[in-house]
């Protein structure tokens, strides 16, 4: 069994809530043949891991902060 991939992301790849979904085209997955779509939250280190397939998604904390500030409404 090959190890699960690690996918590097940028803030533009995240949902408006700062999450990522898996399966994800960034991970070169066919959406119809993997597992149910799940939305993953990043930890403080900017990492999230899919409970179904083990794919790890990484975004730098700076990217996450830029994304969060971009959606602040006054």
PDB file of N, CA and C in Angstrom:
ATOM      1  N   UNK A   1       0.842  -1.183   0.000  1.00  0.00           N
ATOM      2  CA  UNK A   1       0.000   0.000   0.000  1.00  0.00           C
ATOM      3  C   UNK A   1       0.885   1.243   0.000  1.00  0.00           C
ATOM      4  N   UNK A   2       0.648   2.131  -0.948  1.00  0.00           N
ATOM      5  CA  UNK A   2       1.480   3.330  -1.021  1.00  0.00           C
ATOM      6  C   UNK A   2       1.032   4.366   0.010  1.00  0.00           C
ATOM      7  N   UNK A   3       1.956   5.198   0.475  1.00  0.00           N
ATOM      8  CA  UNK A   3       1.592   6.211   1.474  1.00  0.00           C
ATOM      9  C   UNK A   3       0.628   7.238   0.891  1.00  0.00           C
ATOM     10  N   UNK A   4      -0.202   7.789   1.769  1.00  0.00           N
ATOM     11  CA  UNK A   4      -1.156   8.813   1.342  1.00  0.00           C
ATOM     12  C   UNK A   4      -0.396  10.060   0.905  1.00  0.00           C
ATOM     13  N   UNK A   5      -0.912  10.750  -0.096  1.00  0.00           N
ATOM     14  CA  UNK A   5      -0.218  11.948  -0.579  1.00  0.00           C
ATOM     15  C   UNK A   5      -0.304  13.115   0.404  1.00  0.00           C
ATOM     16  N   UNK A   6       0.641  14.026   0.268  1.00  0.00           N
ATOM     17  CA  UNK A   6       0.629  15.289   1.000  1.00  0.00           C
ATOM     18  C   UNK A   6       0.440  16.379  -0.042  1.00  0.00           C
ATOM     19  N   UNK A   7      -0.618  17.161   0.116  1.00  0.00           N
ATOM     20  CA  UNK A   7      -0.986  18.181  -0.856  1.00  0.00           C
ATOM     21  C   UNK A   7      -0.713  19.558  -0.266  1.00  0.00           C
ATOM     22  N   UNK A   8       0.119  20.339  -0.943  1.00  0.00           N
ATOM     23  CA  UNK A   8       0.419  21.709  -0.512  1.00  0.00           C
ATOM     24  C   UNK A   8      -0.620  22.648  -1.126  1.00  0.00           C
ATOM     25  N   UNK A   9      -1.190  23.503  -0.291  1.00  0.00           N
ATOM     26  CA  UNK A   9      -2.260  24.398  -0.728  1.00  0.00           C
ATOM     27  C   UNK A   9      -1.893  25.857  -0.512  1.00  0.00           C
ATOM     28  N   UNK A  10      -2.618  26.712  -1.204  1.00  0.00           N
ATOM     29  CA  UNK A  10      -2.551  28.155  -0.995  1.00  0.00           C
ATOM     30  C   UNK A  10      -3.915  28.613  -0.498  1.00  0.00           C
ATOM     31  N   UNK A  11      -3.987  29.822   0.018  1.00  0.00           N
ATOM     32  CA  UNK A  11      -5.248  30.308   0.572  1.00  0.00           C
ATOM     33  C   UNK A  11      -6.370  30.297  -0.459  1.00  0.00           C
ATOM     34  N   UNK A  12      -6.051  30.499  -1.734  1.00  0.00           N
ATOM     35  CA  UNK A  12      -7.087  30.512  -2.772  1.00  0.00           C
ATOM     36  C   UNK A  12      -7.727  29.143  -2.968  1.00  0.00           C
ATOM     37  N   UNK A  13      -7.090  28.078  -2.468  1.00  0.00           N
ATOM     38  CA  UNK A  13      -7.626  26.728  -2.596  1.00  0.00           C
ATOM     39  C   UNK A  13      -8.645  26.387  -1.514  1.00  0.00           C
ATOM     40  N   UNK A  14      -8.772  27.240  -0.504  1.00  0.00           N
ATOM     41  CA  UNK A  14      -9.643  26.959   0.629  1.00  0.00           C
ATOM     42  C   UNK A  14     -11.065  27.439   0.369  1.00  0.00           C
ATOM     43  N   UNK A  15     -12.017  26.874   1.126  1.00  0.00           N
ATOM     44  CA  UNK A  15     -13.401  27.333   1.059  1.00  0.00           C
ATOM     45  C   UNK A  15     -13.487  28.704   1.735  1.00  0.00           C
ATOM     46  N   UNK A  16     -14.608  29.409   1.598  1.00  0.00           N
ATOM     47  CA  UNK A  16     -14.758  30.698   2.288  1.00  0.00           C
ATOM     48  C   UNK A  16     -14.611  30.593   3.811  1.00  0.00           C
ATOM     49  N   UNK A  17     -14.846  29.400   4.369  1.00  0.00           N
ATOM     50  CA  UNK A  17     -14.688  29.193   5.808  1.00  0.00           C
ATOM     51  C   UNK A  17     -13.270  28.770   6.190  1.00  0.00           C
ATOM     52  N   UNK A  18     -12.356  28.745   5.217  1.00  0.00           N
ATOM     53  CA  UNK A  18     -10.972  28.379   5.502  1.00  0.00           C
ATOM     54  C   UNK A  18     -10.740  26.885   5.630  1.00  0.00           C
ATOM     55  N   UNK A  19     -11.594  26.086   5.004  1.00  0.00           N
ATOM     56  CA  UNK A  19     -11.468  24.632   5.050  1.00  0.00           C
ATOM     57  C   UNK A  19     -11.075  24.101   3.672  1.00  0.00           C
ATOM     58  N   UNK A  20     -10.845  22.807   3.612  1.00  0.00           N
ATOM     59  CA  UNK A  20     -10.609  22.111   2.346  1.00  0.00           C
ATOM     60  C   UNK A  20     -11.525  20.893   2.333  1.00  0.00           C
ATOM     61  N   UNK A  21     -11.915  20.462   1.156  1.00  0.00           N
ATOM     62  CA  UNK A  21     -12.725  19.243   1.093  1.00  0.00           C
ATOM     63  C   UNK A  21     -11.928  18.124   0.445  1.00  0.00           C
ATOM     64  N   UNK A  22     -12.275  16.914   0.841  1.00  0.00           N
ATOM     65  CA  UNK A  22     -11.650  15.716   0.301  1.00  0.00           C
ATOM     66  C   UNK A  22     -12.764  14.728  -0.016  1.00  0.00           C
ATOM     67  N   UNK A  23     -12.740  14.062  -1.164  1.00  0.00           N
ATOM     68  CA  UNK A  23     -11.710  14.082  -2.182  1.00  0.00           C
ATOM     69  C   UNK A  23     -11.626  15.441  -2.864  1.00  0.00           C
ATOM     70  N   UNK A  24     -10.437  15.760  -3.353  1.00  0.00           N
ATOM     71  CA  UNK A  24     -10.179  17.074  -3.911  1.00  0.00           C
ATOM     72  C   UNK A  24      -9.393  16.948  -5.212  1.00  0.00           C
ATOM     73  N   UNK A  25      -9.769  17.732  -6.229  1.00  0.00           N
ATOM     74  CA  UNK A  25      -9.016  17.692  -7.490  1.00  0.00           C
ATOM     75  C   UNK A  25      -7.530  18.021  -7.316  1.00  0.00           C
ATOM     76  N   UNK A  26      -7.180  18.817  -6.305  1.00  0.00           N
ATOM     77  CA  UNK A  26      -5.771  19.145  -6.052  1.00  0.00           C
ATOM     78  C   UNK A  26      -4.968  17.891  -5.718  1.00  0.00           C
ATOM     79  N   UNK A  27      -5.643  16.873  -5.209  1.00  0.00           N
ATOM     80  CA  UNK A  27      -4.981  15.614  -4.857  1.00  0.00           C
ATOM     81  C   UNK A  27      -5.043  14.619  -6.012  1.00  0.00           C
ATOM     82  N   UNK A  28      -5.475  15.089  -7.184  1.00  0.00           N
ATOM     83  CA  UNK A  28      -5.578  14.260  -8.382  1.00  0.00           C
ATOM     84  C   UNK A  28      -6.491  13.055  -8.152  1.00  0.00           C
ATOM     85  N   UNK A  29      -7.620  13.317  -7.469  1.00  0.00           N
ATOM     86  CA  UNK A  29      -8.588  12.257  -7.192  1.00  0.00           C
ATOM     87  C   UNK A  29      -9.769  12.384  -8.137  1.00  0.00           C
ATOM     88  N   UNK A  30     -10.307  11.266  -8.531  1.00  0.00           N
ATOM     89  CA  UNK A  30     -11.563  11.252  -9.262  1.00  0.00           C
ATOM     90  C   UNK A  30     -12.672  11.341  -8.213  1.00  0.00           C
ATOM     91  N   UNK A  31     -13.476  12.388  -8.281  1.00  0.00           N
ATOM     92  CA  UNK A  31     -14.467  12.634  -7.237  1.00  0.00           C
ATOM     93  C   UNK A  31     -15.511  11.529  -7.128  1.00  0.00           C
ATOM     94  N   UNK A  32     -15.738  10.795  -8.183  1.00  0.00           N
ATOM     95  CA  UNK A  32     -16.808   9.804  -8.169  1.00  0.00           C
ATOM     96  C   UNK A  32     -16.376   8.435  -7.668  1.00  0.00           C
ATOM     97  N   UNK A  33     -15.088   8.192  -7.465  1.00  0.00           N
ATOM     98  CA  UNK A  33     -14.686   6.823  -7.123  1.00  0.00           C
ATOM     99  C   UNK A  33     -13.845   6.715  -5.860  1.00  0.00           C
ATOM    100  N   UNK A  34     -13.926   7.669  -4.971  1.00  0.00           N
ATOM    101  CA  UNK A  34     -13.084   7.597  -3.779  1.00  0.00           C
ATOM    102  C   UNK A  34     -13.928   7.398  -2.520  1.00  0.00           C
ATOM    103  N   UNK A  35     -14.420   8.459  -1.928  1.00  0.00           N
ATOM    104  CA  UNK A  35     -15.198   8.360  -0.689  1.00  0.00           C
ATOM    105  C   UNK A  35     -16.124   9.558  -0.591  1.00  0.00           C
ATOM    106  N   UNK A  36     -17.043   9.581   0.401  1.00  0.00           N
ATOM    107  CA  UNK A  36     -17.931  10.749   0.546  1.00  0.00           C
ATOM    108  C   UNK A  36     -17.119  12.022   0.779  1.00  0.00           C
ATOM    109  N   UNK A  37     -17.630  13.148   0.288  1.00  0.00           N
ATOM    110  CA  UNK A  37     -16.940  14.432   0.489  1.00  0.00           C
ATOM    111  C   UNK A  37     -17.015  14.832   1.954  1.00  0.00           C
ATOM    112  N   UNK A  38     -15.869  15.182   2.498  1.00  0.00           N
ATOM    113  CA  UNK A  38     -15.784  15.685   3.866  1.00  0.00           C
ATOM    114  C   UNK A  38     -15.031  17.007   3.841  1.00  0.00           C
ATOM    115  N   UNK A  39     -15.435  17.918   4.720  1.00  0.00           N
ATOM    116  CA  UNK A  39     -14.765  19.207   4.855  1.00  0.00           C
ATOM    117  C   UNK A  39     -13.854  19.133   6.065  1.00  0.00           C
ATOM    118  N   UNK A  40     -12.601  19.523   5.861  1.00  0.00           N
ATOM    119  CA  UNK A  40     -11.572  19.388   6.884  1.00  0.00           C
ATOM    120  C   UNK A  40     -11.112  20.752   7.370  1.00  0.00           C
ATOM    121  N   UNK A  41     -10.984  20.888   8.687  1.00  0.00           N
ATOM    122  CA  UNK A  41     -10.447  22.111   9.285  1.00  0.00           C
ATOM    123  C   UNK A  41      -8.951  21.915   9.518  1.00  0.00           C
ATOM    124  N   UNK A  42      -8.209  22.997   9.371  1.00  0.00           N
ATOM    125  CA  UNK A  42      -6.764  22.956   9.581  1.00  0.00           C
ATOM    126  C   UNK A  42      -6.432  23.169  11.049  1.00  0.00           C
ATOM    127  N   UNK A  43      -5.398  22.487  11.535  1.00  0.00           N
ATOM    128  CA  UNK A  43      -4.926  22.723  12.894  1.00  0.00           C
ATOM    129  C   UNK A  43      -4.039  23.972  12.900  1.00  0.00           C
ATOM    130  N   UNK A  44      -3.492  24.312  14.061  1.00  0.00           N
ATOM    131  CA  UNK A  44      -2.685  25.531  14.193  1.00  0.00           C
ATOM    132  C   UNK A  44      -1.437  25.502  13.312  1.00  0.00           C
ATOM    133  N   UNK A  45      -0.967  24.310  12.970  1.00  0.00           N
ATOM    134  CA  UNK A  45       0.218  24.180  12.116  1.00  0.00           C
ATOM    135  C   UNK A  45      -0.139  24.225  10.632  1.00  0.00           C
ATOM    136  N   UNK A  46      -1.436  24.387  10.323  1.00  0.00           N
ATOM    137  CA  UNK A  46      -1.856  24.456   8.928  1.00  0.00           C
ATOM    138  C   UNK A  46      -1.954  23.096   8.263  1.00  0.00           C
ATOM    139  N   UNK A  47      -2.316  22.077   9.031  1.00  0.00           N
ATOM    140  CA  UNK A  47      -2.416  20.724   8.489  1.00  0.00           C
ATOM    141  C   UNK A  47      -3.803  20.152   8.740  1.00  0.00           C
ATOM    142  N   UNK A  48      -4.275  19.354   7.788  1.00  0.00           N
ATOM    143  CA  UNK A  48      -5.533  18.628   7.929  1.00  0.00           C
ATOM    144  C   UNK A  48      -5.341  17.259   7.293  1.00  0.00           C
ATOM    145  N   UNK A  49      -5.985  16.242   7.865  1.00  0.00           N
ATOM    146  CA  UNK A  49      -5.843  14.878   7.339  1.00  0.00           C
ATOM    147  C   UNK A  49      -7.222  14.266   7.161  1.00  0.00           C
ATOM    148  N   UNK A  50      -7.436  13.676   5.998  1.00  0.00           N
ATOM    149  CA  UNK A  50      -8.717  13.049   5.702  1.00  0.00           C
ATOM    150  C   UNK A  50      -8.858  11.746   6.493  1.00  0.00           C
ATOM    151  N   UNK A  51      -9.987  11.573   7.212  1.00  0.00           N
ATOM    152  CA  UNK A  51     -10.172  10.335   7.966  1.00  0.00           C
ATOM    153  C   UNK A  51     -10.462   9.121   7.081  1.00  0.00           C
ATOM    154  N   UNK A  52     -10.880   9.349   5.844  1.00  0.00           N
ATOM    155  CA  UNK A  52     -11.184   8.237   4.942  1.00  0.00           C
ATOM    156  C   UNK A  52      -9.944   7.700   4.233  1.00  0.00           C
ATOM    157  N   UNK A  53      -9.208   8.578   3.566  1.00  0.00           N
ATOM    158  CA  UNK A  53      -8.116   8.109   2.703  1.00  0.00           C
ATOM    159  C   UNK A  53      -6.730   8.447   3.239  1.00  0.00           C
ATOM    160  N   UNK A  54      -6.653   9.278   4.278  1.00  0.00           N
ATOM    161  CA  UNK A  54      -5.367   9.616   4.867  1.00  0.00           C
ATOM    162  C   UNK A  54      -4.607  10.722   4.156  1.00  0.00           C
ATOM    163  N   UNK A  55      -5.183  11.272   3.082  1.00  0.00           N
ATOM    164  CA  UNK A  55      -4.510  12.368   2.381  1.00  0.00           C
ATOM    165  C   UNK A  55      -4.297  13.522   3.349  1.00  0.00           C
ATOM    166  N   UNK A  56      -3.096  14.071   3.337  1.00  0.00           N
ATOM    167  CA  UNK A  56      -2.782  15.217   4.186  1.00  0.00           C
ATOM    168  C   UNK A  56      -2.763  16.475   3.338  1.00  0.00           C
ATOM    169  N   UNK A  57      -3.376  17.511   3.870  1.00  0.00           N
ATOM    170  CA  UNK A  57      -3.399  18.816   3.213  1.00  0.00           C
ATOM    171  C   UNK A  57      -2.642  19.785   4.102  1.00  0.00           C
ATOM    172  N   UNK A  58      -1.730  20.549   3.495  1.00  0.00           N
ATOM    173  CA  UNK A  58      -0.926  21.522   4.234  1.00  0.00           C
ATOM    174  C   UNK A  58      -1.113  22.899   3.619  1.00  0.00           C
ATOM    175  N   UNK A  59      -1.287  23.871   4.472  1.00  0.00           N
ATOM    176  CA  UNK A  59      -1.291  25.267   4.058  1.00  0.00           C
ATOM    177  C   UNK A  59      -0.468  26.016   5.098  1.00  0.00           C
ATOM    178  N   UNK A  60       0.368  26.930   4.659  1.00  0.00           N
ATOM    179  CA  UNK A  60       1.191  27.652   5.634  1.00  0.00           C
ATOM    180  C   UNK A  60       0.287  28.506   6.512  1.00  0.00           C
ATOM    181  N   UNK A  61       0.614  28.640   7.792  1.00  0.00           N
ATOM    182  CA  UNK A  61      -0.211  29.472   8.668  1.00  0.00           C
ATOM    183  C   UNK A  61      -0.387  30.888   8.119  1.00  0.00           C
ATOM    184  N   UNK A  62       0.633  31.424   7.452  1.00  0.00           N
ATOM    185  CA  UNK A  62       0.515  32.757   6.863  1.00  0.00           C
ATOM    186  C   UNK A  62      -0.571  32.768   5.788  1.00  0.00           C
ATOM    187  N   UNK A  63      -0.646  31.708   4.993  1.00  0.00           N
ATOM    188  CA  UNK A  63      -1.678  31.613   3.964  1.00  0.00           C
ATOM    189  C   UNK A  63      -3.061  31.581   4.610  1.00  0.00           C
ATOM    190  N   UNK A  64      -3.196  30.846   5.719  1.00  0.00           N
ATOM    191  CA  UNK A  64      -4.473  30.764   6.406  1.00  0.00           C
ATOM    192  C   UNK A  64      -4.865  32.130   6.941  1.00  0.00           C
ATOM    193  N   UNK A  65      -3.911  32.867   7.528  1.00  0.00           N
ATOM    194  CA  UNK A  65      -4.207  34.195   8.059  1.00  0.00           C
ATOM    195  C   UNK A  65      -4.603  35.152   6.948  1.00  0.00           C
ATOM    196  N   UNK A  66      -3.910  35.110   5.833  1.00  0.00           N
ATOM    197  CA  UNK A  66      -4.260  35.970   4.702  1.00  0.00           C
ATOM    198  C   UNK A  66      -5.679  35.671   4.263  1.00  0.00           C
ATOM    199  N   UNK A  67      -6.029  34.396   4.204  1.00  0.00           N
ATOM    200  CA  UNK A  67      -7.369  33.993   3.780  1.00  0.00           C
ATOM    201  C   UNK A  67      -8.417  34.509   4.764  1.00  0.00           C
ATOM    202  N   UNK A  68      -8.163  34.368   6.070  1.00  0.00           N
ATOM    203  CA  UNK A  68      -9.132  34.806   7.072  1.00  0.00           C
ATOM    204  C   UNK A  68      -9.341  36.310   7.010  1.00  0.00           C
ATOM    205  N   UNK A  69      -8.285  37.063   6.847  1.00  0.00           N
ATOM    206  CA  UNK A  69      -8.414  38.514   6.804  1.00  0.00           C
ATOM    207  C   UNK A  69      -9.115  38.982   5.534  1.00  0.00           C
ATOM    208  N   UNK A  70      -9.030  38.216   4.498  1.00  0.00           N
ATOM    209  CA  UNK A  70      -9.665  38.598   3.235  1.00  0.00           C
ATOM    210  C   UNK A  70     -11.182  38.533   3.321  1.00  0.00           C
ATOM    211  N   UNK A  71     -11.723  37.810   4.303  1.00  0.00           N
ATOM    212  CA  UNK A  71     -13.166  37.635   4.398  1.00  0.00           C
ATOM    213  C   UNK A  71     -13.766  38.336   5.616  1.00  0.00           C
ATOM    214  N   UNK A  72     -13.075  39.303   6.182  1.00  0.00           N
ATOM    215  CA  UNK A  72     -13.605  40.045   7.319  1.00  0.00           C
ATOM    216  C   UNK A  72     -14.585  41.083   6.794  1.00  0.00           C
ATOM    217  N   UNK A  73     -15.788  41.090   7.363  1.00  0.00           N
ATOM    218  CA  UNK A  73     -16.812  42.057   6.960  1.00  0.00           C
ATOM    219  C   UNK A  73     -17.021  43.058   8.088  1.00  0.00           C
ATOM    220  N   UNK A  74     -17.044  44.330   7.742  1.00  0.00           N
ATOM    221  CA  UNK A  74     -17.230  45.377   8.758  1.00  0.00           C
ATOM    222  C   UNK A  74     -18.615  45.960   8.652  1.00  0.00           C
TER     223      UNK A  74
END
